[in-house]
Amino acid sequence: MADKNYYDILGVKKDASDDEIKKRYRKLVRQYHPDVSDDPNADEKIAEINNAYETLRDSDKRAQYDAMQANPFTGAGTSGFSRGFGGGNAGDAQGGFAWEDLKDQFGDGAAFGSGSFRFDDILSAFGRGARGNSKANTSQGFDQFGAGGFGSFQDAKGQDQHAELVVDLDSVYKGDEYSIKLSVPTRQANGMVSQEEKTLKIQIPKGIIEGKQIRLPNQGAASSGKGDNGDLFLKVKIRHADNIRLEGADVYQTINVTPWEAALGDKITVETPAGKHDVTIPKGIKSGSNLRLKGKGIPAKQPGDLYLTINLINPEIATEAQRQAYQALKTAFDQSTVVR
């Protein structure tokens, strides 16, 4: 494939549309990716495919490439353009991998190989001691592994990457340390990119709210030249119980209250994300009402509030005495008007 031009490498005509180029690229990646292909030259072919796609998918680069192809002094094929952009030979080019395209092609559940690098689960977490596991997955897609461009980009920093890190609500209240294992592309001394297993310890800041990002410097994609790796940005997603919902730093927790507690008022003890709290149930409170515990939400820079949402429940009848109590309750309220 080395003596072919970029259009020949992708198998498209010179007037191919952007959609045609993208569809053809996806098909070739699926065919030649080293983790799924039996072709002994898969590494070289996928590099050439990536290099071709990186150029033809960009209208400016494509125009420059077409102009160079038309110039007899630059020669045919791909090497002249690769040198013009500081990329070395096509076999060394690893920069055009558009992982967001691959995710579209293979679906959220697809993975290459048996390692922890997945389109939907790039960060495979292995827990924080006995306190449970963390999980991070991609939600926004990955930037390209490398950066194309002119020779001055040889020292350019690698592309930043973005992923999602799931943490427990308890960790957000107290601060915590997570260990994650990930497989990332790393450019070797010979210019080739290989997968490298890394274990990182991440400090979860106390009070961080959902949607905020944690930046890990130099843990992103490898540079296309001799520059530093890009950064890895982890978008925080907070895991919590089903009876809890979050609105920024405010926490809403549904609690169960019996009819007599709601009717007569009472003091109960509630287990909350902020610890155990004694709560006074006001007399005559209605189901769906909220009790506010000021400053007991997520301890952000501006702490949120904790809202206890009342849910009236009827305990099951387990004894004859309890059945009679319900009967007495019915008799006592027989003349009452109930709005249905």
Foldseek 3Di string as FASTA:
>chain_A
DQQAALCVLLVHDLPDDLVVSLVSLLVVCCAQVPLRYPDPCSLQSNLLSLVSSQQCNDPVSSVVSVVLCVDPVQPDGDQSSCVQFQQHGSSLHQFRDFQVSNCVVPDLPDDGDDDQCGQFFQKAFDDDPPPDTKGKTADPGFGTQEDTGGSVQQAPEGDETEIAIEDELLCQQPKDKTKIKGWAWEQDPVSHTDTDIDIDIDIDDHLDWAQDKDKAAQPAHGYSHNYGYHIYIYGYDYDDDPQWDDDTQEIEGEDEDEPCCQAVKDWDWDQDSLGIDIDTRDHNDDQQDWDWDPQSTRVHVRHYIYIYGYDYDHDDDDDPVVVVVVVVVCVVCVPPDDDD
